[in-house]
Amino acid sequence: MSISYKKLFHLLIEQDMTTSQLQKKAGFSANIIARLKRNSPVSLETIESICRTMNCGVDDILDFVPDVNSSDTEEV
């Protein structure tokens, strides 16, 4: 299963906030923004910081996406 931060970027648009503004307000590095853009994992501390900054919940900024070739979906 992978993570998608597509919801985060939609929320940024809705709140008229740039990724640079989020970075400064939440207090993390540009590397975190790059990881989010690549849908790479980030720490729970980062997720919490984003949620506090944007006044939202975790489900407002990320989705879990099932892998297409996941063995979890195969019948035994």
PDB file of N, CA and C in Angstrom:
ATOM      1  N   MET A   1       0.849  -1.165   0.000  1.00  0.00           N
ATOM      2  CA  MET A   1       0.000   0.000   0.000  1.00  0.00           C
ATOM      3  C   MET A   1       0.901   1.236   0.000  1.00  0.00           C
ATOM      4  N   SER A   2       0.515   2.227  -0.774  1.00  0.00           N
ATOM      5  CA  SER A   2       1.294   3.464  -0.824  1.00  0.00           C
ATOM      6  C   SER A   2       0.439   4.645  -0.353  1.00  0.00           C
ATOM      7  N   ILE A   3       1.095   5.780  -0.220  1.00  0.00           N
ATOM      8  CA  ILE A   3       0.438   6.986   0.283  1.00  0.00           C
ATOM      9  C   ILE A   3       0.356   8.018  -0.825  1.00  0.00           C
ATOM     10  N   SER A   4      -0.773   8.707  -0.894  1.00  0.00           N
ATOM     11  CA  SER A   4      -0.945   9.814  -1.836  1.00  0.00           C
ATOM     12  C   SER A   4      -1.261  11.078  -1.042  1.00  0.00           C
ATOM     13  N   TYR A   5      -0.523  12.137  -1.352  1.00  0.00           N
ATOM     14  CA  TYR A   5      -0.753  13.431  -0.701  1.00  0.00           C
ATOM     15  C   TYR A   5      -1.514  14.386  -1.623  1.00  0.00           C
ATOM     16  N   LYS A   6      -2.202  13.836  -2.598  1.00  0.00           N
ATOM     17  CA  LYS A   6      -2.949  14.665  -3.549  1.00  0.00           C
ATOM     18  C   LYS A   6      -3.948  15.572  -2.830  1.00  0.00           C
ATOM     19  N   LYS A   7      -4.596  15.042  -1.788  1.00  0.00           N
ATOM     20  CA  LYS A   7      -5.564  15.836  -1.019  1.00  0.00           C
ATOM     21  C   LYS A   7      -4.905  17.062  -0.387  1.00  0.00           C
ATOM     22  N   LEU A   8      -3.663  16.906   0.057  1.00  0.00           N
ATOM     23  CA  LEU A   8      -2.938  18.023   0.663  1.00  0.00           C
ATOM     24  C   LEU A   8      -2.796  19.162  -0.333  1.00  0.00           C
ATOM     25  N   PHE A   9      -2.418  18.845  -1.553  1.00  0.00           N
ATOM     26  CA  PHE A   9      -2.193  19.891  -2.543  1.00  0.00           C
ATOM     27  C   PHE A   9      -3.502  20.546  -2.983  1.00  0.00           C
ATOM     28  N   HIS A  10      -4.597  19.780  -2.980  1.00  0.00           N
ATOM     29  CA  HIS A  10      -5.913  20.380  -3.240  1.00  0.00           C
ATOM     30  C   HIS A  10      -6.303  21.319  -2.097  1.00  0.00           C
ATOM     31  N   LEU A  11      -6.016  20.906  -0.869  1.00  0.00           N
ATOM     32  CA  LEU A  11      -6.333  21.730   0.300  1.00  0.00           C
ATOM     33  C   LEU A  11      -5.504  23.015   0.307  1.00  0.00           C
ATOM     34  N   LEU A  12      -4.254  22.922  -0.103  1.00  0.00           N
ATOM     35  CA  LEU A  12      -3.425  24.130  -0.211  1.00  0.00           C
ATOM     36  C   LEU A  12      -4.066  25.134  -1.162  1.00  0.00           C
ATOM     37  N   ILE A  13      -4.568  24.648  -2.292  1.00  0.00           N
ATOM     38  CA  ILE A  13      -5.234  25.527  -3.262  1.00  0.00           C
ATOM     39  C   ILE A  13      -6.482  26.137  -2.641  1.00  0.00           C
ATOM     40  N   GLU A  14      -7.293  25.303  -1.972  1.00  0.00           N
ATOM     41  CA  GLU A  14      -8.520  25.793  -1.337  1.00  0.00           C
ATOM     42  C   GLU A  14      -8.227  26.862  -0.292  1.00  0.00           C
ATOM     43  N   GLN A  15      -7.133  26.701   0.437  1.00  0.00           N
ATOM     44  CA  GLN A  15      -6.785  27.658   1.493  1.00  0.00           C
ATOM     45  C   GLN A  15      -5.881  28.775   0.975  1.00  0.00           C
ATOM     46  N   ASP A  16      -5.677  28.811  -0.333  1.00  0.00           N
ATOM     47  CA  ASP A  16      -4.859  29.852  -0.972  1.00  0.00           C
ATOM     48  C   ASP A  16      -3.483  29.955  -0.310  1.00  0.00           C
ATOM     49  N   MET A  17      -2.843  28.792  -0.159  1.00  0.00           N
ATOM     50  CA  MET A  17      -1.532  28.722   0.483  1.00  0.00           C
ATOM     51  C   MET A  17      -0.555  28.030  -0.465  1.00  0.00           C
ATOM     52  N   THR A  18       0.654  28.540  -0.533  1.00  0.00           N
ATOM     53  CA  THR A  18       1.684  27.911  -1.359  1.00  0.00           C
ATOM     54  C   THR A  18       2.445  26.881  -0.528  1.00  0.00           C
ATOM     55  N   THR A  19       3.179  26.019  -1.213  1.00  0.00           N
ATOM     56  CA  THR A  19       3.996  25.049  -0.491  1.00  0.00           C
ATOM     57  C   THR A  19       5.082  25.758   0.323  1.00  0.00           C
ATOM     58  N   SER A  20       5.590  26.866  -0.185  1.00  0.00           N
ATOM     59  CA  SER A  20       6.596  27.645   0.563  1.00  0.00           C
ATOM     60  C   SER A  20       6.006  28.204   1.852  1.00  0.00           C
ATOM     61  N   GLN A  21       4.772  28.689   1.780  1.00  0.00           N
ATOM     62  CA  GLN A  21       4.109  29.207   2.980  1.00  0.00           C
ATOM     63  C   GLN A  21       3.876  28.086   3.992  1.00  0.00           C
ATOM     64  N   LEU A  22       3.436  26.930   3.503  1.00  0.00           N
ATOM     65  CA  LEU A  22       3.231  25.785   4.391  1.00  0.00           C
ATOM     66  C   LEU A  22       4.545  25.409   5.065  1.00  0.00           C
ATOM     67  N   GLN A  23       5.599  25.351   4.284  1.00  0.00           N
ATOM     68  CA  GLN A  23       6.919  24.999   4.813  1.00  0.00           C
ATOM     69  C   GLN A  23       7.329  25.941   5.940  1.00  0.00           C
ATOM     70  N   LYS A  24       7.164  27.228   5.730  1.00  0.00           N
ATOM     71  CA  LYS A  24       7.561  28.214   6.740  1.00  0.00           C
ATOM     72  C   LYS A  24       6.672  28.148   7.976  1.00  0.00           C
ATOM     73  N   LYS A  25       5.351  28.071   7.770  1.00  0.00           N
ATOM     74  CA  LYS A  25       4.423  28.048   8.903  1.00  0.00           C
ATOM     75  C   LYS A  25       4.546  26.768   9.724  1.00  0.00           C
ATOM     76  N   ALA A  26       4.751  25.636   9.036  1.00  0.00           N
ATOM     77  CA  ALA A  26       4.840  24.356   9.734  1.00  0.00           C
ATOM     78  C   ALA A  26       6.240  24.105  10.285  1.00  0.00           C
ATOM     79  N   GLY A  27       7.222  24.834   9.762  1.00  0.00           N
ATOM     80  CA  GLY A  27       8.574  24.737  10.296  1.00  0.00           C
ATOM     81  C   GLY A  27       9.365  23.530   9.850  1.00  0.00           C
ATOM     82  N   PHE A  28       9.220  23.128   8.593  1.00  0.00           N
ATOM     83  CA  PHE A  28      10.050  22.033   8.098  1.00  0.00           C
ATOM     84  C   PHE A  28      10.802  22.435   6.840  1.00  0.00           C
ATOM     85  N   SER A  29      11.697  21.574   6.392  1.00  0.00           N
ATOM     86  CA  SER A  29      12.601  21.898   5.287  1.00  0.00           C
ATOM     87  C   SER A  29      11.946  21.705   3.920  1.00  0.00           C
ATOM     88  N   ALA A  30      12.611  22.236   2.914  1.00  0.00           N
ATOM     89  CA  ALA A  30      12.154  22.067   1.535  1.00  0.00           C
ATOM     90  C   ALA A  30      12.194  20.597   1.126  1.00  0.00           C
ATOM     91  N   ASN A  31      13.055  19.813   1.773  1.00  0.00           N
ATOM     92  CA  ASN A  31      13.119  18.379   1.468  1.00  0.00           C
ATOM     93  C   ASN A  31      11.797  17.685   1.780  1.00  0.00           C
ATOM     94  N   ILE A  32      11.107  18.134   2.808  1.00  0.00           N
ATOM     95  CA  ILE A  32       9.809  17.546   3.159  1.00  0.00           C
ATOM     96  C   ILE A  32       8.801  17.818   2.049  1.00  0.00           C
ATOM     97  N   ILE A  33       8.788  19.030   1.529  1.00  0.00           N
ATOM     98  CA  ILE A  33       7.884  19.363   0.418  1.00  0.00           C
ATOM     99  C   ILE A  33       8.190  18.468  -0.774  1.00  0.00           C
ATOM    100  N   ALA A  34       9.461  18.259  -1.063  1.00  0.00           N
ATOM    101  CA  ALA A  34       9.857  17.390  -2.177  1.00  0.00           C
ATOM    102  C   ALA A  34       9.368  15.964  -1.949  1.00  0.00           C
ATOM    103  N   ARG A  35       9.471  15.469  -0.724  1.00  0.00           N
ATOM    104  CA  ARG A  35       8.992  14.113  -0.409  1.00  0.00           C
ATOM    105  C   ARG A  35       7.473  14.021  -0.583  1.00  0.00           C
ATOM    106  N   LEU A  36       6.762  15.055  -0.153  1.00  0.00           N
ATOM    107  CA  LEU A  36       5.308  15.069  -0.303  1.00  0.00           C
ATOM    108  C   LEU A  36       4.914  15.065  -1.780  1.00  0.00           C
ATOM    109  N   LYS A  37       5.625  15.829  -2.585  1.00  0.00           N
ATOM    110  CA  LYS A  37       5.328  15.885  -4.021  1.00  0.00           C
ATOM    111  C   LYS A  37       5.573  14.546  -4.699  1.00  0.00           C
ATOM    112  N   ARG A  38       6.507  13.752  -4.158  1.00  0.00           N
ATOM    113  CA  ARG A  38       6.809  12.429  -4.716  1.00  0.00           C
ATOM    114  C   ARG A  38       5.976  11.327  -4.056  1.00  0.00           C
ATOM    115  N   ASN A  39       5.076  11.709  -3.147  1.00  0.00           N
ATOM    116  CA  ASN A  39       4.276  10.745  -2.379  1.00  0.00           C
ATOM    117  C   ASN A  39       5.155   9.781  -1.591  1.00  0.00           C
ATOM    118  N   SER A  40       6.286  10.285  -1.113  1.00  0.00           N
ATOM    119  CA  SER A  40       7.187   9.486  -0.280  1.00  0.00           C
ATOM    120  C   SER A  40       6.753   9.601   1.178  1.00  0.00           C
ATOM    121  N   PRO A  41       7.070   8.588   1.974  1.00  0.00           N
ATOM    122  CA  PRO A  41       6.688   8.645   3.390  1.00  0.00           C
ATOM    123  C   PRO A  41       7.359   9.806   4.127  1.00  0.00           C
ATOM    124  N   VAL A  42       6.627  10.388   5.060  1.00  0.00           N
ATOM    125  CA  VAL A  42       7.161  11.411   5.964  1.00  0.00           C
ATOM    126  C   VAL A  42       6.783  10.998   7.383  1.00  0.00           C
ATOM    127  N   SER A  43       7.404  11.610   8.361  1.00  0.00           N
ATOM    128  CA  SER A  43       7.164  11.229   9.755  1.00  0.00           C
ATOM    129  C   SER A  43       5.774  11.661  10.227  1.00  0.00           C
ATOM    130  N   LEU A  44       5.328  11.004  11.287  1.00  0.00           N
ATOM    131  CA  LEU A  44       4.055  11.397  11.899  1.00  0.00           C
ATOM    132  C   LEU A  44       4.148  12.806  12.466  1.00  0.00           C
ATOM    133  N   GLU A  45       5.323  13.184  12.912  1.00  0.00           N
ATOM    134  CA  GLU A  45       5.537  14.546  13.409  1.00  0.00           C
ATOM    135  C   GLU A  45       5.266  15.564  12.294  1.00  0.00           C
ATOM    136  N   THR A  46       5.704  15.253  11.090  1.00  0.00           N
ATOM    137  CA  THR A  46       5.462  16.133   9.942  1.00  0.00           C
ATOM    138  C   THR A  46       3.974  16.195   9.620  1.00  0.00           C
ATOM    139  N   ILE A  47       3.314  15.038   9.623  1.00  0.00           N
ATOM    140  CA  ILE A  47       1.868  14.986   9.359  1.00  0.00           C
ATOM    141  C   ILE A  47       1.127  15.825  10.398  1.00  0.00           C
ATOM    142  N   GLU A  48       1.509  15.667  11.665  1.00  0.00           N
ATOM    143  CA  GLU A  48       0.874  16.441  12.735  1.00  0.00           C
ATOM    144  C   GLU A  48       1.088  17.939  12.530  1.00  0.00           C
ATOM    145  N   SER A  49       2.286  18.322  12.161  1.00  0.00           N
ATOM    146  CA  SER A  49       2.609  19.729  11.939  1.00  0.00           C
ATOM    147  C   SER A  49       1.776  20.314  10.797  1.00  0.00           C
ATOM    148  N   ILE A  50       1.609  19.543   9.739  1.00  0.00           N
ATOM    149  CA  ILE A  50       0.791  19.989   8.600  1.00  0.00           C
ATOM    150  C   ILE A  50      -0.658  20.159   9.042  1.00  0.00           C
ATOM    151  N   CYS A  51      -1.177  19.172   9.758  1.00  0.00           N
ATOM    152  CA  CYS A  51      -2.574  19.228  10.208  1.00  0.00           C
ATOM    153  C   CYS A  51      -2.822  20.409  11.143  1.00  0.00           C
ATOM    154  N   ARG A  52      -1.900  20.668  12.038  1.00  0.00           N
ATOM    155  CA  ARG A  52      -2.046  21.814  12.951  1.00  0.00           C
ATOM    156  C   ARG A  52      -1.993  23.129  12.174  1.00  0.00           C
ATOM    157  N   THR A  53      -1.071  23.215  11.231  1.00  0.00           N
ATOM    158  CA  THR A  53      -0.907  24.437  10.445  1.00  0.00           C
ATOM    159  C   THR A  53      -2.128  24.712   9.576  1.00  0.00           C
ATOM    160  N   MET A  54      -2.689  23.653   9.001  1.00  0.00           N
ATOM    161  CA  MET A  54      -3.804  23.817   8.074  1.00  0.00           C
ATOM    162  C   MET A  54      -5.158  23.625   8.749  1.00  0.00           C
ATOM    163  N   ASN A  55      -5.145  23.364  10.059  1.00  0.00           N
ATOM    164  CA  ASN A  55      -6.377  23.174  10.819  1.00  0.00           C
ATOM    165  C   ASN A  55      -7.264  22.101  10.177  1.00  0.00           C
ATOM    166  N   CYS A  56      -6.683  20.913  10.015  1.00  0.00           N
ATOM    167  CA  CYS A  56      -7.408  19.820   9.361  1.00  0.00           C
ATOM    168  C   CYS A  56      -7.019  18.494  10.000  1.00  0.00           C
ATOM    169  N   GLY A  57      -7.654  17.434   9.559  1.00  0.00           N
ATOM    170  CA  GLY A  57      -7.337  16.092  10.025  1.00  0.00           C
ATOM    171  C   GLY A  57      -6.469  15.348   9.031  1.00  0.00           C
ATOM    172  N   VAL A  58      -5.933  14.228   9.467  1.00  0.00           N
ATOM    173  CA  VAL A  58      -5.065  13.418   8.616  1.00  0.00           C
ATOM    174  C   VAL A  58      -5.788  12.997   7.340  1.00  0.00           C
ATOM    175  N   ASP A  59      -7.050  12.617   7.465  1.00  0.00           N
ATOM    176  CA  ASP A  59      -7.799  12.169   6.287  1.00  0.00           C
ATOM    177  C   ASP A  59      -8.067  13.294   5.292  1.00  0.00           C
ATOM    178  N   ASP A  60      -7.796  14.540   5.680  1.00  0.00           N
ATOM    179  CA  ASP A  60      -7.950  15.672   4.765  1.00  0.00           C
ATOM    180  C   ASP A  60      -6.717  15.883   3.890  1.00  0.00           C
ATOM    181  N   ILE A  61      -5.594  15.238   4.246  1.00  0.00           N
ATOM    182  CA  ILE A  61      -4.361  15.509   3.503  1.00  0.00           C
ATOM    183  C   ILE A  61      -3.733  14.288   2.842  1.00  0.00           C
ATOM    184  N   LEU A  62      -4.177  13.085   3.203  1.00  0.00           N
ATOM    185  CA  LEU A  62      -3.573  11.913   2.569  1.00  0.00           C
ATOM    186  C   LEU A  62      -4.571  10.791   2.378  1.00  0.00           C
ATOM    187  N   ASP A  63      -4.235   9.916   1.448  1.00  0.00           N
ATOM    188  CA  ASP A  63      -5.000   8.699   1.173  1.00  0.00           C
ATOM    189  C   ASP A  63      -4.034   7.532   1.116  1.00  0.00           C
ATOM    190  N   PHE A  64      -4.508   6.365   1.509  1.00  0.00           N
ATOM    191  CA  PHE A  64      -3.753   5.139   1.300  1.00  0.00           C
ATOM    192  C   PHE A  64      -4.251   4.525   0.005  1.00  0.00           C
ATOM    193  N   VAL A  65      -3.317   4.210  -0.879  1.00  0.00           N
ATOM    194  CA  VAL A  65      -3.660   3.689  -2.196  1.00  0.00           C
ATOM    195  C   VAL A  65      -3.176   2.249  -2.280  1.00  0.00           C
ATOM    196  N   PRO A  66      -4.092   1.296  -2.533  1.00  0.00           N
ATOM    197  CA  PRO A  66      -3.659  -0.097  -2.637  1.00  0.00           C
ATOM    198  C   PRO A  66      -2.754  -0.299  -3.853  1.00  0.00           C
ATOM    199  N   ASP A  67      -1.755  -1.148  -3.684  1.00  0.00           N
ATOM    200  CA  ASP A  67      -0.879  -1.481  -4.797  1.00  0.00           C
ATOM    201  C   ASP A  67      -1.651  -2.323  -5.804  1.00  0.00           C
ATOM    202  N   VAL A  68      -1.400  -2.078  -7.071  1.00  0.00           N
ATOM    203  CA  VAL A  68      -2.100  -2.797  -8.135  1.00  0.00           C
ATOM    204  C   VAL A  68      -1.767  -4.279  -8.099  1.00  0.00           C
ATOM    205  N   ASN A  69      -0.528  -4.619  -7.845  1.00  0.00           N
ATOM    206  CA  ASN A  69      -0.089  -6.017  -7.839  1.00  0.00           C
ATOM    207  C   ASN A  69       0.041  -6.577  -6.435  1.00  0.00           C
ATOM    208  N   SER A  70      -0.760  -6.074  -5.524  1.00  0.00           N
ATOM    209  CA  SER A  70      -0.678  -6.508  -4.137  1.00  0.00           C
ATOM    210  C   SER A  70      -1.173  -7.935  -3.978  1.00  0.00           C
ATOM    211  N   SER A  71      -0.436  -8.738  -3.218  1.00  0.00           N
ATOM    212  CA  SER A  71      -0.853 -10.119  -2.967  1.00  0.00           C
ATOM    213  C   SER A  71      -2.004 -10.168  -1.970  1.00  0.00           C
ATOM    214  N   ASP A  72      -2.278  -9.049  -1.282  1.00  0.00           N
ATOM    215  CA  ASP A  72      -3.387  -8.997  -0.330  1.00  0.00           C
ATOM    216  C   ASP A  72      -4.733  -9.150  -1.015  1.00  0.00           C
ATOM    217  N   THR A  73      -4.800  -8.812  -2.295  1.00  0.00           N
ATOM    218  CA  THR A  73      -6.076  -8.870  -2.998  1.00  0.00           C
ATOM    219  C   THR A  73      -6.290 -10.202  -3.705  1.00  0.00           C
ATOM    220  N   GLU A  74      -5.271 -11.053  -3.719  1.00  0.00           N
ATOM    221  CA  GLU A  74      -5.390 -12.341  -4.395  1.00  0.00           C
ATOM    222  C   GLU A  74      -6.101 -13.342  -3.502  1.00  0.00           C
ATOM    223  N   GLU A  75      -6.892 -14.197  -4.138  1.00  0.00           N
ATOM    224  CA  GLU A  75      -7.562 -15.253  -3.390  1.00  0.00           C
ATOM    225  C   GLU A  75      -6.611 -16.424  -3.217  1.00  0.00           C
ATOM    226  N   VAL A  76      -6.755 -17.145  -2.117  1.00  0.00           N
ATOM    227  CA  VAL A  76      -5.876 -18.290  -1.841  1.00  0.00           C
ATOM    228  C   VAL A  76      -6.526 -19.539  -2.329  1.00  0.00           C
TER     229      VAL A  76
END
